[in-house]
Every structure is written in C-alpha cells, then in structure tokens.
All heavy atoms as atom14 arrays in JSON, in Angstrom:
{
  "sequence": "IIDKRQLDEVVLDIKAQFIDEFKTLSNEVINLTASLGVFSCNVSELVD",
  "atom14_mask": [
    [1, 1, 1, 1, 1, 1, 1, 1, 0, 0, 0, 0, 0, 0],
    [1, 1, 1, 1, 1, 1, 1, 1, 0, 0, 0, 0, 0, 0],
    [1, 1, 1, 1, 1, 1, 1, 1, 0, 0, 0, 0, 0, 0],
    [1, 1, 1, 1, 1, 1, 1, 1, 1, 0, 0, 0, 0, 0],
    [1, 1, 1, 1, 1, 1, 1, 1, 1, 1, 1, 0, 0, 0],
    [1, 1, 1, 1, 1, 1, 1, 1, 1, 0, 0, 0, 0, 0],
    [1, 1, 1, 1, 1, 1, 1, 1, 0, 0, 0, 0, 0, 0],
    [1, 1, 1, 1, 1, 1, 1, 1, 0, 0, 0, 0, 0, 0],
    [1, 1, 1, 1, 1, 1, 1, 1, 1, 0, 0, 0, 0, 0],
    [1, 1, 1, 1, 1, 1, 1, 0, 0, 0, 0, 0, 0, 0],
    [1, 1, 1, 1, 1, 1, 1, 0, 0, 0, 0, 0, 0, 0],
    [1, 1, 1, 1, 1, 1, 1, 1, 0, 0, 0, 0, 0, 0],
    [1, 1, 1, 1, 1, 1, 1, 1, 0, 0, 0, 0, 0, 0],
    [1, 1, 1, 1, 1, 1, 1, 1, 0, 0, 0, 0, 0, 0],
    [1, 1, 1, 1, 1, 1, 1, 1, 1, 0, 0, 0, 0, 0],
    [1, 1, 1, 1, 1, 0, 0, 0, 0, 0, 0, 0, 0, 0],
    [1, 1, 1, 1, 1, 1, 1, 1, 1, 0, 0, 0, 0, 0],
    [1, 1, 1, 1, 1, 1, 1, 1, 1, 1, 1, 0, 0, 0],
    [1, 1, 1, 1, 1, 1, 1, 1, 0, 0, 0, 0, 0, 0],
    [1, 1, 1, 1, 1, 1, 1, 1, 0, 0, 0, 0, 0, 0],
    [1, 1, 1, 1, 1, 1, 1, 1, 1, 0, 0, 0, 0, 0],
    [1, 1, 1, 1, 1, 1, 1, 1, 1, 1, 1, 0, 0, 0],
    [1, 1, 1, 1, 1, 1, 1, 1, 1, 0, 0, 0, 0, 0],
    [1, 1, 1, 1, 1, 1, 1, 0, 0, 0, 0, 0, 0, 0],
    [1, 1, 1, 1, 1, 1, 1, 1, 0, 0, 0, 0, 0, 0],
    [1, 1, 1, 1, 1, 1, 0, 0, 0, 0, 0, 0, 0, 0],
    [1, 1, 1, 1, 1, 1, 1, 1, 0, 0, 0, 0, 0, 0],
    [1, 1, 1, 1, 1, 1, 1, 1, 1, 0, 0, 0, 0, 0],
    [1, 1, 1, 1, 1, 1, 1, 0, 0, 0, 0, 0, 0, 0],
    [1, 1, 1, 1, 1, 1, 1, 1, 0, 0, 0, 0, 0, 0],
    [1, 1, 1, 1, 1, 1, 1, 1, 0, 0, 0, 0, 0, 0],
    [1, 1, 1, 1, 1, 1, 1, 1, 0, 0, 0, 0, 0, 0],
    [1, 1, 1, 1, 1, 1, 1, 0, 0, 0, 0, 0, 0, 0],
    [1, 1, 1, 1, 1, 0, 0, 0, 0, 0, 0, 0, 0, 0],
    [1, 1, 1, 1, 1, 1, 0, 0, 0, 0, 0, 0, 0, 0],
    [1, 1, 1, 1, 1, 1, 1, 1, 0, 0, 0, 0, 0, 0],
    [1, 1, 1, 1, 0, 0, 0, 0, 0, 0, 0, 0, 0, 0],
    [1, 1, 1, 1, 1, 1, 1, 0, 0, 0, 0, 0, 0, 0],
    [1, 1, 1, 1, 1, 1, 1, 1, 1, 1, 1, 0, 0, 0],
    [1, 1, 1, 1, 1, 1, 0, 0, 0, 0, 0, 0, 0, 0],
    [1, 1, 1, 1, 1, 1, 0, 0, 0, 0, 0, 0, 0, 0],
    [1, 1, 1, 1, 1, 1, 1, 1, 0, 0, 0, 0, 0, 0],
    [1, 1, 1, 1, 1, 1, 1, 0, 0, 0, 0, 0, 0, 0],
    [1, 1, 1, 1, 1, 1, 0, 0, 0, 0, 0, 0, 0, 0],
    [1, 1, 1, 1, 1, 1, 1, 1, 1, 0, 0, 0, 0, 0],
    [1, 1, 1, 1, 1, 1, 1, 1, 0, 0, 0, 0, 0, 0],
    [1, 1, 1, 1, 1, 1, 1, 0, 0, 0, 0, 0, 0, 0],
    [1, 1, 1, 1, 1, 1, 1, 1, 0, 0, 0, 0, 0, 0]
  ],
  "atom14_positions": [
    [[258.55, 184.87, -79.28], [257.1, 185.06, -79.18], [256.72, 184.81, -77.71], [257.46, 184.16, -76.96], [256.3, 184.03, -79.99], [256.74, 182.65, -79.7], [256.53, 184.34, -81.55], [255.78, 181.57, -80.38], [0.0, 0.0, 0.0], [0.0, 0.0, 0.0], [0.0, 0.0, 0.0], [0.0, 0.0, 0.0], [0.0, 0.0, 0.0], [0.0, 0.0, 0.0]],
    [[255.65, 185.5, -77.29], [255.24, 185.43, -75.87], [254.45, 184.22, -75.59], [254.78, 183.42, -74.63], [254.37, 186.68, -75.57], [255.29, 187.96, -75.84], [253.87, 186.56, -74.06], [254.45, 189.26, -75.71], [0.0, 0.0, 0.0], [0.0, 0.0, 0.0], [0.0, 0.0, 0.0], [0.0, 0.0, 0.0], [0.0, 0.0, 0.0], [0.0, 0.0, 0.0]],
    [[253.43, 183.89, -76.42], [252.55, 182.79, -76.14], [251.79, 182.36, -77.44], [252.01, 182.97, -78.43], [251.52, 183.1, -75.06], [250.74, 184.4, -75.31], [250.67, 184.71, -76.56], [250.34, 185.03, -74.38], [0.0, 0.0, 0.0], [0.0, 0.0, 0.0], [0.0, 0.0, 0.0], [0.0, 0.0, 0.0], [0.0, 0.0, 0.0], [0.0, 0.0, 0.0]],
    [[250.96, 181.26, -77.32], [250.36, 180.76, -78.53], [249.28, 181.75, -79.07], [249.04, 181.8, -80.22], [249.66, 179.45, -78.17], [249.03, 178.71, -79.38], [248.47, 177.33, -78.99], [248.05, 176.6, -80.24], [246.96, 177.31, -80.96], [0.0, 0.0, 0.0], [0.0, 0.0, 0.0], [0.0, 0.0, 0.0], [0.0, 0.0, 0.0], [0.0, 0.0, 0.0]],
    [[248.71, 182.54, -78.12], [247.79, 183.57, -78.56], [248.4, 184.49, -79.57], [247.84, 184.85, -80.67], [247.25, 184.4, -77.35], [246.33, 185.56, -77.79], [246.23, 186.52, -76.67], [247.45, 187.14, -76.35], [248.1, 188.06, -77.04], [247.43, 188.63, -78.11], [249.21, 188.6, -76.61], [0.0, 0.0, 0.0], [0.0, 0.0, 0.0], [0.0, 0.0, 0.0]],
    [[249.58, 184.96, -79.24], [250.32, 185.85, -80.18], [250.63, 185.2, -81.56], [250.49, 185.74, -82.58], [251.6, 186.28, -79.55], [252.36, 187.38, -80.35], [253.73, 187.74, -79.73], [254.55, 186.83, -79.48], [253.86, 189.04, -79.33], [0.0, 0.0, 0.0], [0.0, 0.0, 0.0], [0.0, 0.0, 0.0], [0.0, 0.0, 0.0], [0.0, 0.0, 0.0]],
    [[251.05, 183.93, -81.41], [251.31, 183.16, -82.7], [250.06, 182.99, -83.45], [250.04, 183.13, -84.7], [251.88, 181.82, -82.27], [252.26, 180.88, -83.41], [253.24, 181.49, -84.4], [252.81, 179.55, -82.89], [0.0, 0.0, 0.0], [0.0, 0.0, 0.0], [0.0, 0.0, 0.0], [0.0, 0.0, 0.0], [0.0, 0.0, 0.0], [0.0, 0.0, 0.0]],
    [[248.98, 182.61, -82.87], [247.66, 182.47, -83.55], [247.23, 183.69, -84.25], [246.68, 183.61, -85.34], [246.6, 182.01, -82.63], [246.8, 180.53, -82.07], [247.61, 179.86, -82.83], [246.18, 180.1, -81.13], [0.0, 0.0, 0.0], [0.0, 0.0, 0.0], [0.0, 0.0, 0.0], [0.0, 0.0, 0.0], [0.0, 0.0, 0.0], [0.0, 0.0, 0.0]],
    [[247.45, 184.9, -83.6], [247.11, 186.14, -84.35], [247.89, 186.42, -85.59], [247.34, 186.89, -86.56], [247.34, 187.26, -83.28], [246.34, 187.31, -82.16], [246.63, 188.46, -81.17], [247.69, 189.09, -81.32], [245.87, 188.62, -80.21], [0.0, 0.0, 0.0], [0.0, 0.0, 0.0], [0.0, 0.0, 0.0], [0.0, 0.0, 0.0], [0.0, 0.0, 0.0]],
    [[249.17, 185.98, -85.59], [249.97, 186.14, -86.75], [249.43, 185.24, -87.81], [249.35, 185.6, -89.03], [251.49, 185.9, -86.46], [252.33, 185.9, -87.75], [251.99, 186.83, -85.35], [0.0, 0.0, 0.0], [0.0, 0.0, 0.0], [0.0, 0.0, 0.0], [0.0, 0.0, 0.0], [0.0, 0.0, 0.0], [0.0, 0.0, 0.0], [0.0, 0.0, 0.0]],
    [[249.15, 183.93, -87.47], [248.6, 182.97, -88.45], [247.35, 183.47, -89.07], [247.15, 183.44, -90.26], [248.42, 181.61, -87.68], [247.63, 180.67, -88.66], [249.69, 180.98, -87.35], [0.0, 0.0, 0.0], [0.0, 0.0, 0.0], [0.0, 0.0, 0.0], [0.0, 0.0, 0.0], [0.0, 0.0, 0.0], [0.0, 0.0, 0.0], [0.0, 0.0, 0.0]],
    [[246.49, 183.98, -88.29], [245.19, 184.51, -88.8], [245.4, 185.73, -89.7], [244.69, 185.96, -90.65], [244.26, 184.93, -87.65], [243.74, 183.74, -86.76], [242.88, 184.2, -85.66], [242.92, 182.78, -87.75], [0.0, 0.0, 0.0], [0.0, 0.0, 0.0], [0.0, 0.0, 0.0], [0.0, 0.0, 0.0], [0.0, 0.0, 0.0], [0.0, 0.0, 0.0]],
    [[246.39, 186.59, -89.32], [246.64, 187.76, -90.17], [247.26, 187.29, -91.52], [246.91, 187.96, -92.58], [247.71, 188.68, -89.45], [247.64, 190.11, -90.11], [246.92, 190.34, -90.97], [248.46, 190.9, -89.54], [0.0, 0.0, 0.0], [0.0, 0.0, 0.0], [0.0, 0.0, 0.0], [0.0, 0.0, 0.0], [0.0, 0.0, 0.0], [0.0, 0.0, 0.0]],
    [[248.04, 186.28, -91.53], [248.59, 185.71, -92.76], [247.42, 185.23, -93.69], [247.31, 185.52, -94.89], [249.51, 184.55, -92.51], [250.88, 185.14, -91.91], [249.96, 183.84, -93.83], [251.83, 184.03, -91.44], [0.0, 0.0, 0.0], [0.0, 0.0, 0.0], [0.0, 0.0, 0.0], [0.0, 0.0, 0.0], [0.0, 0.0, 0.0], [0.0, 0.0, 0.0]],
    [[246.55, 184.48, -93.02], [245.37, 183.95, -93.79], [244.48, 185.18, -94.35], [243.97, 185.04, -95.44], [244.46, 183.13, -92.89], [245.14, 181.81, -92.41], [245.25, 180.83, -93.52], [243.95, 180.28, -93.81], [244.05, 179.24, -94.82], [0.0, 0.0, 0.0], [0.0, 0.0, 0.0], [0.0, 0.0, 0.0], [0.0, 0.0, 0.0], [0.0, 0.0, 0.0]],
    [[244.44, 186.2, -93.58], [243.68, 187.37, -94.02], [244.15, 188.02, -95.25], [243.44, 188.66, -96.08], [243.6, 188.42, -92.87], [0.0, 0.0, 0.0], [0.0, 0.0, 0.0], [0.0, 0.0, 0.0], [0.0, 0.0, 0.0], [0.0, 0.0, 0.0], [0.0, 0.0, 0.0], [0.0, 0.0, 0.0], [0.0, 0.0, 0.0], [0.0, 0.0, 0.0]],
    [[245.49, 187.84, -95.56], [246.11, 188.45, -96.7], [245.56, 187.8, -98.03], [245.79, 188.31, -99.13], [247.63, 188.35, -96.66], [248.24, 189.02, -95.44], [247.86, 190.4, -95.19], [247.67, 191.19, -96.11], [247.52, 190.72, -93.95], [0.0, 0.0, 0.0], [0.0, 0.0, 0.0], [0.0, 0.0, 0.0], [0.0, 0.0, 0.0], [0.0, 0.0, 0.0]],
    [[244.88, 186.65, -97.88], [244.5, 185.9, -99.05], [243.01, 186.0, -99.19], [242.34, 185.36, -100.06], [244.91, 184.49, -98.95], [246.36, 184.25, -99.06], [247.17, 184.26, -97.91], [246.97, 184.06, -100.31], [248.53, 184.1, -97.95], [248.34, 183.85, -100.4], [249.12, 183.93, -99.23], [0.0, 0.0, 0.0], [0.0, 0.0, 0.0], [0.0, 0.0, 0.0]],
    [[242.32, 186.83, -98.34], [240.83, 186.96, -98.47], [240.5, 187.71, -99.68], [239.58, 187.26, -100.44], [240.27, 187.71, -97.16], [240.43, 186.86, -95.92], [238.87, 188.05, -97.41], [240.06, 187.5, -94.58], [0.0, 0.0, 0.0], [0.0, 0.0, 0.0], [0.0, 0.0, 0.0], [0.0, 0.0, 0.0], [0.0, 0.0, 0.0], [0.0, 0.0, 0.0]],
    [[241.15, 188.85, -99.89], [240.87, 189.65, -101.16], [241.32, 188.84, -102.38], [242.42, 188.32, -102.37], [241.56, 191.01, -101.08], [240.95, 191.88, -100.02], [239.87, 191.63, -99.56], [241.62, 192.83, -99.58], [0.0, 0.0, 0.0], [0.0, 0.0, 0.0], [0.0, 0.0, 0.0], [0.0, 0.0, 0.0], [0.0, 0.0, 0.0], [0.0, 0.0, 0.0]],
    [[240.56, 188.88, -103.38], [240.84, 188.12, -104.65], [242.05, 188.75, -105.37], [242.29, 189.9, -105.25], [239.62, 188.11, -105.53], [239.12, 189.42, -105.92], [237.68, 189.45, -106.41], [236.94, 188.52, -106.15], [237.37, 190.41, -107.17], [0.0, 0.0, 0.0], [0.0, 0.0, 0.0], [0.0, 0.0, 0.0], [0.0, 0.0, 0.0], [0.0, 0.0, 0.0]],
    [[242.72, 187.96, -106.19], [243.69, 188.4, -107.07], [243.15, 188.46, -108.45], [242.13, 187.73, -108.73], [244.9, 187.43, -107.08], [245.59, 187.35, -105.74], [245.11, 186.52, -104.69], [246.76, 188.04, -105.51], [245.76, 186.48, -103.41], [247.49, 187.98, -104.26], [246.99, 187.11, -103.25], [0.0, 0.0, 0.0], [0.0, 0.0, 0.0], [0.0, 0.0, 0.0]],
    [[243.72, 189.24, -109.31], [243.15, 189.38, -110.68], [244.32, 189.21, -111.69], [245.43, 189.65, -111.51], [242.51, 190.73, -110.83], [241.14, 190.8, -110.09], [240.4, 192.16, -110.46], [239.07, 192.15, -109.74], [238.32, 193.42, -110.11], [0.0, 0.0, 0.0], [0.0, 0.0, 0.0], [0.0, 0.0, 0.0], [0.0, 0.0, 0.0], [0.0, 0.0, 0.0]],
    [[243.88, 188.67, -112.83], [244.79, 188.56, -114.02], [244.88, 189.9, -114.71], [244.14, 190.83, -114.37], [244.36, 187.4, -114.97], [243.22, 187.9, -115.62], [244.11, 186.16, -114.19], [0.0, 0.0, 0.0], [0.0, 0.0, 0.0], [0.0, 0.0, 0.0], [0.0, 0.0, 0.0], [0.0, 0.0, 0.0], [0.0, 0.0, 0.0], [0.0, 0.0, 0.0]],
    [[245.72, 189.93, -115.72], [245.83, 191.2, -116.51], [244.56, 191.52, -117.23], [244.2, 192.61, -117.58], [246.97, 191.05, -117.54], [248.37, 190.85, -116.88], [249.41, 190.63, -117.95], [248.74, 192.1, -116.07], [0.0, 0.0, 0.0], [0.0, 0.0, 0.0], [0.0, 0.0, 0.0], [0.0, 0.0, 0.0], [0.0, 0.0, 0.0], [0.0, 0.0, 0.0]],
    [[243.71, 190.45, -117.45], [242.42, 190.66, -118.17], [241.27, 190.72, -117.09], [240.09, 190.54, -117.5], [242.14, 189.48, -119.06], [242.17, 188.21, -118.38], [0.0, 0.0, 0.0], [0.0, 0.0, 0.0], [0.0, 0.0, 0.0], [0.0, 0.0, 0.0], [0.0, 0.0, 0.0], [0.0, 0.0, 0.0], [0.0, 0.0, 0.0], [0.0, 0.0, 0.0]],
    [[241.68, 190.94, -115.87], [240.68, 191.15, -114.8], [239.92, 189.82, -114.44], [238.83, 189.94, -113.86], [239.74, 192.23, -115.14], [240.31, 193.6, -114.83], [241.09, 193.81, -113.93], [239.9, 194.59, -115.68], [0.0, 0.0, 0.0], [0.0, 0.0, 0.0], [0.0, 0.0, 0.0], [0.0, 0.0, 0.0], [0.0, 0.0, 0.0], [0.0, 0.0, 0.0]],
    [[240.47, 188.69, -114.82], [239.85, 187.48, -114.42], [240.18, 187.24, -112.92], [241.34, 187.46, -112.54], [240.36, 186.27, -115.3], [239.7, 184.97, -114.85], [240.19, 183.85, -115.77], [240.73, 184.12, -116.87], [240.01, 182.62, -115.4], [0.0, 0.0, 0.0], [0.0, 0.0, 0.0], [0.0, 0.0, 0.0], [0.0, 0.0, 0.0], [0.0, 0.0, 0.0]],
    [[239.22, 186.81, -112.14], [239.39, 186.66, -110.72], [240.08, 185.36, -110.43], [239.66, 184.3, -110.95], [238.01, 186.79, -110.02], [238.19, 186.48, -108.48], [237.5, 188.21, -110.21], [0.0, 0.0, 0.0], [0.0, 0.0, 0.0], [0.0, 0.0, 0.0], [0.0, 0.0, 0.0], [0.0, 0.0, 0.0], [0.0, 0.0, 0.0], [0.0, 0.0, 0.0]],
    [[241.04, 185.43, -109.51], [241.73, 184.16, -109.03], [241.55, 184.18, -107.52], [241.99, 185.12, -106.77], [243.18, 184.16, -109.4], [243.34, 184.18, -110.91], [243.86, 182.96, -108.76], [244.79, 184.24, -111.33], [0.0, 0.0, 0.0], [0.0, 0.0, 0.0], [0.0, 0.0, 0.0], [0.0, 0.0, 0.0], [0.0, 0.0, 0.0], [0.0, 0.0, 0.0]],
    [[241.0, 183.2, -106.95], [240.86, 182.98, -105.53], [241.97, 182.07, -105.03], [241.87, 180.9, -104.99], [239.49, 182.34, -105.16], [238.34, 183.33, -105.45], [238.46, 184.49, -105.08], [237.34, 182.85, -106.17], [0.0, 0.0, 0.0], [0.0, 0.0, 0.0], [0.0, 0.0, 0.0], [0.0, 0.0, 0.0], [0.0, 0.0, 0.0], [0.0, 0.0, 0.0]],
    [[243.14, 182.73, -104.71], [244.35, 182.03, -104.32], [244.27, 181.73, -102.81], [243.96, 182.64, -102.04], [245.52, 182.91, -104.7], [246.95, 182.22, -104.38], [247.16, 181.01, -105.35], [248.03, 183.28, -104.68], [0.0, 0.0, 0.0], [0.0, 0.0, 0.0], [0.0, 0.0, 0.0], [0.0, 0.0, 0.0], [0.0, 0.0, 0.0], [0.0, 0.0, 0.0]],
    [[244.64, 180.52, -102.43], [244.73, 180.13, -100.99], [246.08, 179.7, -100.71], [246.89, 179.43, -101.63], [243.71, 179.02, -100.66], [244.0, 177.87, -101.46], [242.29, 179.49, -100.95], [0.0, 0.0, 0.0], [0.0, 0.0, 0.0], [0.0, 0.0, 0.0], [0.0, 0.0, 0.0], [0.0, 0.0, 0.0], [0.0, 0.0, 0.0], [0.0, 0.0, 0.0]],
    [[246.41, 179.52, -99.4], [247.68, 179.1, -98.92], [247.47, 178.18, -97.83], [246.65, 178.39, -96.92], [248.56, 180.29, -98.49], [0.0, 0.0, 0.0], [0.0, 0.0, 0.0], [0.0, 0.0, 0.0], [0.0, 0.0, 0.0], [0.0, 0.0, 0.0], [0.0, 0.0, 0.0], [0.0, 0.0, 0.0], [0.0, 0.0, 0.0], [0.0, 0.0, 0.0]],
    [[248.3, 177.09, -97.8], [248.26, 176.19, -96.62], [249.53, 176.53, -95.78], [250.59, 176.77, -96.26], [248.42, 174.73, -97.23], [247.31, 174.34, -97.95], [0.0, 0.0, 0.0], [0.0, 0.0, 0.0], [0.0, 0.0, 0.0], [0.0, 0.0, 0.0], [0.0, 0.0, 0.0], [0.0, 0.0, 0.0], [0.0, 0.0, 0.0], [0.0, 0.0, 0.0]],
    [[249.23, 176.57, -94.39], [250.28, 176.96, -93.49], [250.73, 175.84, -92.6], [249.9, 175.13, -92.07], [249.66, 178.09, -92.63], [249.77, 179.57, -93.12], [249.07, 179.67, -94.45], [249.19, 180.54, -92.06], [0.0, 0.0, 0.0], [0.0, 0.0, 0.0], [0.0, 0.0, 0.0], [0.0, 0.0, 0.0], [0.0, 0.0, 0.0], [0.0, 0.0, 0.0]],
    [[252.05, 175.71, -92.5], [252.66, 174.81, -91.54], [253.36, 175.63, -90.44], [254.12, 176.5, -90.74], [0.0, 0.0, 0.0], [0.0, 0.0, 0.0], [0.0, 0.0, 0.0], [0.0, 0.0, 0.0], [0.0, 0.0, 0.0], [0.0, 0.0, 0.0], [0.0, 0.0, 0.0], [0.0, 0.0, 0.0], [0.0, 0.0, 0.0], [0.0, 0.0, 0.0]],
    [[253.14, 175.26, -89.16], [253.61, 176.12, -88.01], [254.47, 175.17, -87.16], [254.03, 174.09, -86.76], [252.5, 176.76, -87.29], [253.01, 177.6, -86.23], [251.51, 177.54, -88.2], [0.0, 0.0, 0.0], [0.0, 0.0, 0.0], [0.0, 0.0, 0.0], [0.0, 0.0, 0.0], [0.0, 0.0, 0.0], [0.0, 0.0, 0.0], [0.0, 0.0, 0.0]],
    [[255.64, 175.64, -86.8], [256.5, 174.91, -85.81], [256.93, 175.95, -84.74], [257.37, 177.03, -85.1], [257.64, 174.27, -86.41], [258.68, 173.65, -85.48], [258.32, 172.6, -84.77], [259.9, 174.29, -85.23], [259.14, 172.04, -83.82], [260.77, 173.76, -84.33], [260.43, 172.56, -83.55], [0.0, 0.0, 0.0], [0.0, 0.0, 0.0], [0.0, 0.0, 0.0]],
    [[256.77, 175.61, -83.5], [257.09, 176.49, -82.41], [257.57, 175.65, -81.21], [257.0, 174.56, -80.97], [255.91, 177.35, -82.01], [256.21, 178.14, -80.91], [0.0, 0.0, 0.0], [0.0, 0.0, 0.0], [0.0, 0.0, 0.0], [0.0, 0.0, 0.0], [0.0, 0.0, 0.0], [0.0, 0.0, 0.0], [0.0, 0.0, 0.0], [0.0, 0.0, 0.0]],
    [[258.57, 176.14, -80.51], [259.04, 175.48, -79.34], [260.0, 176.38, -78.58], [260.48, 177.4, -79.07], [259.67, 174.15, -79.65], [261.36, 174.18, -80.27], [0.0, 0.0, 0.0], [0.0, 0.0, 0.0], [0.0, 0.0, 0.0], [0.0, 0.0, 0.0], [0.0, 0.0, 0.0], [0.0, 0.0, 0.0], [0.0, 0.0, 0.0], [0.0, 0.0, 0.0]],
    [[260.49, 175.96, -77.41], [261.44, 176.65, -76.59], [262.75, 176.3, -77.21], [263.07, 175.19, -77.67], [261.4, 176.27, -75.11], [260.16, 176.8, -74.44], [259.71, 177.94, -74.78], [259.57, 176.05, -73.53], [0.0, 0.0, 0.0], [0.0, 0.0, 0.0], [0.0, 0.0, 0.0], [0.0, 0.0, 0.0], [0.0, 0.0, 0.0], [0.0, 0.0, 0.0]],
    [[263.72, 177.25, -77.16], [265.09, 177.07, -77.63], [265.73, 175.84, -76.97], [266.37, 175.03, -77.58], [265.9, 178.31, -77.44], [267.41, 178.08, -77.79], [265.36, 179.5, -78.32], [0.0, 0.0, 0.0], [0.0, 0.0, 0.0], [0.0, 0.0, 0.0], [0.0, 0.0, 0.0], [0.0, 0.0, 0.0], [0.0, 0.0, 0.0], [0.0, 0.0, 0.0]],
    [[265.45, 175.73, -75.68], [266.13, 174.64, -74.86], [265.59, 173.28, -75.33], [266.24, 172.29, -75.1], [265.84, 174.88, -73.38], [264.47, 174.9, -73.17], [0.0, 0.0, 0.0], [0.0, 0.0, 0.0], [0.0, 0.0, 0.0], [0.0, 0.0, 0.0], [0.0, 0.0, 0.0], [0.0, 0.0, 0.0], [0.0, 0.0, 0.0], [0.0, 0.0, 0.0]],
    [[264.4, 173.18, -75.92], [263.82, 171.91, -76.33], [264.21, 171.56, -77.75], [263.87, 170.46, -78.26], [262.3, 172.04, -76.17], [261.84, 172.26, -74.73], [260.31, 172.51, -74.66], [259.76, 172.57, -75.77], [259.86, 172.72, -73.61], [0.0, 0.0, 0.0], [0.0, 0.0, 0.0], [0.0, 0.0, 0.0], [0.0, 0.0, 0.0], [0.0, 0.0, 0.0]],
    [[264.8, 172.48, -78.52], [265.21, 172.18, -79.98], [266.28, 171.18, -80.07], [267.33, 171.42, -79.54], [265.53, 173.58, -80.63], [265.72, 173.45, -82.19], [264.37, 173.1, -82.79], [266.25, 174.81, -82.66], [0.0, 0.0, 0.0], [0.0, 0.0, 0.0], [0.0, 0.0, 0.0], [0.0, 0.0, 0.0], [0.0, 0.0, 0.0], [0.0, 0.0, 0.0]],
    [[266.01, 170.1, -80.78], [267.0, 169.02, -80.92], [268.07, 169.44, -81.95], [269.24, 169.19, -81.82], [266.33, 167.71, -81.34], [267.4, 166.67, -81.61], [265.35, 167.31, -80.34], [0.0, 0.0, 0.0], [0.0, 0.0, 0.0], [0.0, 0.0, 0.0], [0.0, 0.0, 0.0], [0.0, 0.0, 0.0], [0.0, 0.0, 0.0], [0.0, 0.0, 0.0]],
    [[267.6, 170.06, -83.06], [268.56, 170.52, -84.12], [268.32, 172.05, -84.37], [267.42, 172.65, -83.73], [268.39, 169.77, -85.44], [266.93, 169.76, -85.94], [266.32, 170.85, -85.82], [266.45, 168.7, -86.38], [0.0, 0.0, 0.0], [0.0, 0.0, 0.0], [0.0, 0.0, 0.0], [0.0, 0.0, 0.0], [0.0, 0.0, 0.0], [0.0, 0.0, 0.0]]
  ]
}
C-alpha cells in the first residue's frame, strides 16, 4: 500500500458493501453490519 489514504479508501469501500440491506427468502429486511480490525506496518518493523 502507498499510504494511509489508500488504506482508508479501501476500509470505506468495505463499509459501503453493507449499506444496501440484505433480504431473507420471505423478503424480510436484514440490516447486517460488520466490525473492521485493521493492522498495517512496514515489513522491516514487523516482529512476527
């Protein structure tokens, strides 16, 4: 990745995938959400 801006854009795009509602087979609406955990660093700084 180039910088945090690029990473933040991906995170927001992931969140956007959950904006539209999901529906059951009987057309009941489900507002599904997702919690995101993000880890980023330089390869040289990675301990494991």
